[in-house]
Amino acid sequence: MAKERSFSDKIFLFIKGLAMGAANKVPGVSGGIVALVTGFYEELIYSLQKINTKAFKLLINRRFKSFFQYTNAQFLVLVFAGSIFSYFSISQVLDFFLERYELYVWSAFFGMIIGSVYYVGKQLDDWDTKNVIGVIIGTLVGVSISFLNPAKENDNLLFVFFCGIIGVSGMTLPGLSGSFILILLGNYVLLLVDSVNMLYRSIIDIFNGDLAFLKDQIRIRYLKIITSFTVGSAFGLVFTSQLLAYVLKRWHQLVIAVIIGFISGSLGIVWPWKRSIYKVENGVVQLDSKGERIIENYQRFIP
């Protein structure tokens, strides 16, 4: 059943969505951490879990009010509206600061994640052997991901669909960065830069009444890619939320322990002192559709 929310609650929820969306775009930072620390993570998971066969039956039978209440749609719309709006606004400001004050931005994220480890740690009631093992396993997984080598770019639509499923993990699993995973899969620039830019241009063209892009095979290819990625992300959100809701109900403390490990392990990815390793082919640094160098990984060092 959907909660009754005041106007100010709705505004704050939208702002939380903004923060989650901005965090999701930054490689190494997880939007799920924002959801967890700001107190709406479990509601997000349980609301997404409600997108099931019962919800579709309500929709098909045109019981829209029941569908709206059953899925907690108001909550989901506010959060995802904030996240989407953030991608084209707040995250652009974040990109500006990352380009000019990279060390300070990464340091801020590093400090925020340390603080979130402390905050989430207080939710763990019992540091027994099982939960300690959960923390260790989560940490090892998080650290291991930061040392993986990235794959080559692959625009196969089935693989792009898979990237959507995996990449959305940053929203549902605090500590796992969907953006960084997309870098490792080789498709960060393809999916979150080039395809998004093509979608943005297409939307502008539509508003201007210019449909000439429909004959542009390159543009159409990118639109197919972003569509496949979006469908994969939606499928991944629903699937992972079903799984997480199940384990949260049965092993809540153990799940929190593993999440603490994931968040701790992600500190290696957001380590402030690092040099960007750019993608090079045949001795030439590769550029994205905005003319910017493509980051392939990071080389970390101690100051």
Protein backbone atom coordinates (compact mmCIF):
# COMPACT_ATOMS: atom_id res chain seq x y z
CA MET A 1 0.00 0.00 0.00
CA ALA A 2 1.34 3.42 -1.01
CA LYS A 3 2.22 5.87 1.75
CA GLU A 4 0.50 9.23 2.13
CA ARG A 5 3.12 11.91 1.46
CA SER A 6 3.05 15.65 2.03
CA PHE A 7 4.19 18.05 -0.68
CA SER A 8 7.52 18.59 1.11
CA ASP A 9 8.03 14.80 1.32
CA LYS A 10 7.54 14.58 -2.44
CA ILE A 11 10.06 17.36 -3.06
CA PHE A 12 12.66 15.71 -0.83
CA LEU A 13 12.06 12.35 -2.51
CA PHE A 14 12.62 13.96 -5.91
CA ILE A 15 15.85 15.53 -4.60
CA LYS A 16 16.98 12.12 -3.32
CA GLY A 17 16.32 10.80 -6.83
CA LEU A 18 18.51 13.60 -8.19
CA ALA A 19 21.35 12.56 -5.89
CA MET A 20 20.94 8.89 -6.77
CA GLY A 21 20.96 9.64 -10.50
CA ALA A 22 24.10 11.78 -10.24
CA ALA A 23 25.87 9.08 -8.21
CA ASN A 24 24.88 6.35 -10.67
CA LYS A 25 26.65 8.13 -13.54
CA VAL A 26 30.02 8.44 -11.76
CA PRO A 27 32.24 5.34 -12.22
CA GLY A 28 32.97 3.90 -8.79
CA VAL A 29 30.02 5.48 -7.01
CA SER A 30 26.78 3.60 -6.37
CA GLY A 31 23.37 5.24 -6.40
CA GLY A 32 22.27 2.46 -4.08
CA ILE A 33 24.46 3.98 -1.36
CA VAL A 34 22.49 7.22 -1.66
CA ALA A 35 19.23 5.28 -1.37
CA LEU A 36 20.51 3.39 1.67
CA VAL A 37 21.94 6.39 3.53
CA THR A 38 18.96 8.66 2.81
CA GLY A 39 16.57 6.01 4.05
CA PHE A 40 14.54 4.87 1.04
CA TYR A 41 16.53 1.81 -0.12
CA GLU A 42 14.23 -0.88 1.25
CA GLU A 43 11.10 0.95 0.07
CA LEU A 44 12.70 1.15 -3.38
CA ILE A 45 13.38 -2.59 -3.44
CA TYR A 46 9.95 -3.58 -2.13
CA SER A 47 8.20 -1.16 -4.52
CA LEU A 48 10.06 -2.56 -7.53
CA GLN A 49 9.18 -6.05 -6.30
CA LYS A 50 5.51 -5.13 -6.76
CA ILE A 51 6.01 -4.86 -10.52
CA ASN A 52 4.87 -8.43 -11.07
CA THR A 53 2.09 -10.45 -12.71
CA LYS A 54 -0.52 -9.10 -10.29
CA ALA A 55 0.43 -5.54 -11.22
CA PHE A 56 0.14 -6.30 -14.94
CA LYS A 57 -3.28 -7.91 -14.40
CA LEU A 58 -4.45 -4.75 -12.66
CA LEU A 59 -3.11 -2.69 -15.56
CA ILE A 60 -4.70 -4.91 -18.23
CA ASN A 61 -8.04 -4.78 -16.40
CA ARG A 62 -7.76 -0.97 -16.33
CA ARG A 63 -7.77 -0.84 -12.56
CA PHE A 64 -5.35 2.05 -12.68
CA LYS A 65 -5.94 3.34 -9.15
CA SER A 66 -5.36 -0.13 -7.69
CA PHE A 67 -2.23 -0.50 -9.85
CA PHE A 68 -0.98 2.89 -8.69
CA GLN A 69 -1.44 1.98 -5.02
CA TYR A 70 -0.21 -1.62 -5.29
CA THR A 71 3.09 -0.69 -6.97
CA ASN A 72 3.66 2.45 -4.84
CA ALA A 73 3.85 4.22 -8.20
CA GLN A 74 3.99 7.74 -6.77
CA PHE A 75 7.20 6.87 -4.93
CA LEU A 76 8.76 5.21 -8.01
CA VAL A 77 7.79 8.07 -10.33
CA LEU A 78 9.31 10.70 -8.01
CA VAL A 79 12.57 8.77 -7.52
CA PHE A 80 13.09 7.88 -11.18
CA ALA A 81 11.97 11.30 -12.42
CA GLY A 82 14.66 12.78 -10.20
CA SER A 83 17.25 10.29 -11.45
CA ILE A 84 16.45 10.91 -15.12
CA PHE A 85 16.35 14.68 -14.68
CA SER A 86 19.67 14.48 -12.86
CA TYR A 87 21.34 12.74 -15.79
CA PHE A 88 20.72 15.76 -18.01
CA SER A 89 21.30 18.42 -15.35
CA ILE A 90 23.02 17.73 -12.00
CA SER A 91 25.34 15.09 -13.45
CA GLN A 92 26.47 17.60 -16.09
CA VAL A 93 27.55 19.95 -13.29
CA LEU A 94 29.30 16.99 -11.65
CA ASP A 95 31.14 16.30 -14.91
CA PHE A 96 32.28 19.94 -14.93
CA PHE A 97 33.80 19.65 -11.45
CA LEU A 98 35.32 16.23 -12.20
CA GLU A 99 37.09 17.73 -15.18
CA ARG A 100 38.50 20.73 -13.29
CA TYR A 101 38.73 19.61 -9.65
CA GLU A 102 39.05 15.85 -10.02
CA LEU A 103 41.05 15.21 -6.83
CA TYR A 104 38.64 17.16 -4.64
CA VAL A 105 35.55 15.51 -6.11
CA TRP A 106 36.96 11.99 -5.69
CA SER A 107 38.08 12.91 -2.15
CA ALA A 108 34.55 14.04 -1.33
CA PHE A 109 33.10 10.77 -2.65
CA PHE A 110 35.74 8.80 -0.74
CA GLY A 111 34.80 10.55 2.49
CA MET A 112 31.08 10.10 1.83
CA ILE A 113 31.54 6.35 1.30
CA ILE A 114 33.57 6.02 4.51
CA GLY A 115 30.75 7.82 6.30
CA SER A 116 28.17 5.52 4.71
CA VAL A 117 30.11 2.45 5.93
CA TYR A 118 29.79 3.80 9.48
CA TYR A 119 26.11 4.64 8.98
CA VAL A 120 25.17 1.26 7.50
CA GLY A 121 27.34 -0.51 10.08
CA LYS A 122 25.05 0.82 12.82
CA GLN A 123 22.18 -1.11 11.21
CA LEU A 124 23.99 -4.40 11.85
CA ASP A 125 22.68 -5.58 15.22
CA ASP A 126 24.92 -8.61 15.68
CA TRP A 127 28.54 -8.97 14.56
CA ASP A 128 28.48 -12.75 14.77
CA THR A 129 30.66 -15.10 12.68
CA LYS A 130 28.12 -15.37 9.86
CA ASN A 131 27.80 -11.61 9.44
CA VAL A 132 31.56 -11.03 9.68
CA ILE A 133 32.07 -13.59 6.89
CA GLY A 134 29.42 -11.73 4.88
CA VAL A 135 31.35 -8.47 5.30
CA ILE A 136 34.61 -10.14 4.25
CA ILE A 137 33.05 -11.75 1.16
CA GLY A 138 31.40 -8.47 0.14
CA THR A 139 34.69 -6.60 0.58
CA LEU A 140 36.64 -9.14 -1.47
CA VAL A 141 34.10 -8.93 -4.29
CA GLY A 142 34.20 -5.12 -4.24
CA VAL A 143 38.01 -4.99 -4.23
CA SER A 144 38.32 -7.67 -6.93
CA ILE A 145 36.06 -5.73 -9.31
CA SER A 146 38.35 -2.69 -9.09
CA PHE A 147 41.30 -4.71 -10.42
CA LEU A 148 39.57 -6.31 -13.42
CA ASN A 149 40.69 -5.35 -16.92
CA PRO A 150 38.04 -3.82 -19.22
CA ALA A 151 36.70 -5.67 -22.24
CA LYS A 152 36.41 -4.21 -25.74
CA GLU A 153 33.35 -2.27 -26.86
CA ASN A 154 30.55 -4.49 -28.14
CA ASP A 155 27.39 -3.05 -29.73
CA ASN A 156 25.61 -6.38 -30.21
CA LEU A 157 22.04 -5.69 -29.07
CA LEU A 158 21.83 -8.87 -26.99
CA PHE A 159 25.07 -7.97 -25.19
CA VAL A 160 23.78 -4.41 -24.73
CA PHE A 161 20.62 -5.87 -23.14
CA PHE A 162 22.88 -7.86 -20.80
CA CYS A 163 24.82 -4.66 -19.99
CA GLY A 164 21.53 -3.08 -18.97
CA ILE A 165 20.79 -5.92 -16.56
CA ILE A 166 24.28 -5.80 -15.03
CA GLY A 167 24.73 -2.04 -15.14
CA VAL A 168 21.58 -1.35 -13.14
CA SER A 169 23.19 -3.13 -10.17
CA GLY A 170 24.50 0.20 -8.88
CA MET A 171 20.94 1.25 -8.13
CA THR A 172 19.89 -1.96 -6.39
CA LEU A 173 23.16 -3.09 -4.78
CA PRO A 174 24.86 -0.39 -2.66
CA GLY A 175 28.63 -0.48 -3.17
CA LEU A 176 28.54 -1.92 -6.69
CA SER A 177 28.97 0.84 -9.27
CA GLY A 178 26.94 0.20 -12.40
CA SER A 179 28.96 2.80 -14.32
CA PHE A 180 32.28 1.18 -13.41
CA ILE A 181 30.91 -2.25 -14.35
CA LEU A 182 29.97 -0.81 -17.76
CA ILE A 183 33.57 0.38 -18.12
CA LEU A 184 34.75 -3.17 -17.40
CA LEU A 185 32.25 -4.50 -19.95
CA GLY A 186 33.71 -2.03 -22.46
CA ASN A 187 30.44 -0.21 -23.11
CA TYR A 188 30.38 2.80 -20.76
CA VAL A 189 31.00 5.37 -23.50
CA LEU A 190 28.76 3.59 -26.01
CA LEU A 191 25.80 3.43 -23.63
CA LEU A 192 26.09 6.40 -21.27
CA VAL A 193 27.74 8.94 -23.58
CA ASP A 194 27.37 8.30 -27.31
CA SER A 195 23.91 6.68 -27.30
CA VAL A 196 22.53 9.20 -24.80
CA ASN A 197 23.86 12.07 -26.93
CA MET A 198 22.15 10.59 -30.00
CA LEU A 199 18.90 10.23 -28.06
CA TYR A 200 19.15 13.82 -26.86
CA ARG A 201 19.73 15.08 -30.42
CA SER A 202 16.80 13.02 -31.69
CA ILE A 203 14.47 14.46 -29.03
CA ILE A 204 15.56 17.99 -29.96
CA ASP A 205 14.97 17.21 -33.66
CA ILE A 206 11.48 15.89 -32.90
CA PHE A 207 10.58 19.06 -30.97
CA ASN A 208 11.86 21.10 -33.92
CA GLY A 209 9.72 19.05 -36.30
CA ASP A 210 12.79 17.64 -38.05
CA LEU A 211 12.42 13.89 -38.67
CA ALA A 212 15.29 13.61 -41.15
CA PHE A 213 17.25 11.58 -38.58
CA LEU A 214 14.92 8.63 -39.28
CA LYS A 215 16.89 8.11 -42.50
CA ASP A 216 20.24 8.31 -40.70
CA GLN A 217 21.31 4.69 -40.22
CA ILE A 218 24.01 5.60 -37.69
CA ARG A 219 21.51 7.55 -35.56
CA ILE A 220 18.96 4.73 -35.80
CA ARG A 221 21.61 2.22 -34.75
CA TYR A 222 22.37 4.24 -31.61
CA LEU A 223 18.66 4.56 -30.84
CA LYS A 224 18.30 0.77 -31.10
CA ILE A 225 21.26 0.43 -28.73
CA ILE A 226 19.83 2.81 -26.11
CA THR A 227 16.44 1.08 -26.40
CA SER A 228 17.99 -2.35 -25.84
CA PHE A 229 19.97 -0.98 -22.89
CA THR A 230 16.88 0.63 -21.37
CA VAL A 231 14.80 -2.54 -21.70
CA GLY A 232 17.66 -4.55 -20.15
CA SER A 233 17.91 -2.07 -17.28
CA ALA A 234 14.16 -2.25 -16.63
CA PHE A 235 14.27 -6.04 -16.68
CA GLY A 236 17.31 -6.03 -14.38
CA LEU A 237 15.63 -3.65 -11.93
CA VAL A 238 12.56 -5.84 -11.64
CA PHE A 239 14.52 -9.11 -11.47
CA THR A 240 17.12 -7.98 -8.93
CA SER A 241 14.46 -6.31 -6.79
CA GLN A 242 12.52 -9.59 -6.63
CA LEU A 243 15.68 -11.39 -5.55
CA LEU A 244 16.76 -8.72 -3.06
CA ALA A 245 13.30 -8.44 -1.52
CA TYR A 246 13.34 -12.20 -0.99
CA VAL A 247 16.75 -12.30 0.71
CA LEU A 248 16.10 -9.11 2.72
CA LYS A 249 13.01 -10.68 4.25
CA ARG A 250 14.79 -13.90 5.16
CA TRP A 251 18.39 -12.89 5.87
CA HIS A 252 18.15 -9.15 6.54
CA GLN A 253 21.21 -8.87 8.78
CA LEU A 254 23.40 -11.01 6.51
CA VAL A 255 22.40 -8.92 3.48
CA ILE A 256 23.30 -5.73 5.37
CA ALA A 257 26.67 -7.32 6.25
CA VAL A 258 27.39 -8.14 2.59
CA ILE A 259 26.35 -4.60 1.58
CA ILE A 260 28.80 -3.18 4.15
CA GLY A 261 31.46 -5.30 2.45
CA PHE A 262 30.48 -4.10 -1.03
CA ILE A 263 30.64 -0.47 0.09
CA SER A 264 34.02 -0.98 1.82
CA GLY A 265 35.41 -2.73 -1.25
CA SER A 266 34.30 0.12 -3.51
CA LEU A 267 36.70 2.49 -1.72
CA GLY A 268 39.45 1.22 -4.02
CA ILE A 269 37.52 2.41 -7.07
CA VAL A 270 36.96 5.94 -5.74
CA TRP A 271 40.49 6.28 -4.31
CA PRO A 272 41.20 9.99 -4.96
CA TRP A 273 44.83 9.69 -6.05
CA LYS A 274 44.74 8.03 -9.45
CA ARG A 275 45.60 8.69 -13.06
CA SER A 276 43.16 8.05 -15.85
CA ILE A 277 44.16 5.38 -18.36
CA TYR A 278 42.75 6.30 -21.76
CA LYS A 279 41.66 3.93 -24.49
CA VAL A 280 44.32 3.65 -27.21
CA GLU A 281 44.06 1.89 -30.57
CA ASN A 282 47.00 1.75 -32.98
CA GLY A 283 48.80 4.35 -30.87
CA VAL A 284 45.93 6.85 -31.10
CA VAL A 285 43.89 7.95 -28.07
CA GLN A 286 40.20 7.27 -28.79
CA LEU A 287 37.57 10.00 -28.42
CA ASP A 288 33.84 9.76 -27.70
CA SER A 289 31.07 11.55 -29.61
CA LYS A 290 31.72 14.71 -27.54
CA GLY A 291 35.39 14.72 -28.56
CA GLU A 292 36.59 13.74 -25.10
CA ARG A 293 39.17 11.04 -24.36
CA ILE A 294 37.69 7.68 -23.41
CA ILE A 295 38.70 6.48 -19.93
CA GLU A 296 39.48 2.76 -19.90
CA ASN A 297 40.59 2.37 -16.28
CA TYR A 298 42.54 4.06 -13.50
CA GLN A 299 46.10 3.75 -12.17
CA ARG A 300 46.07 4.33 -8.43
CA PHE A 301 49.01 5.69 -6.41
CA ILE A 302 49.80 6.83 -2.87
CA PRO A 303 50.48 10.60 -2.57
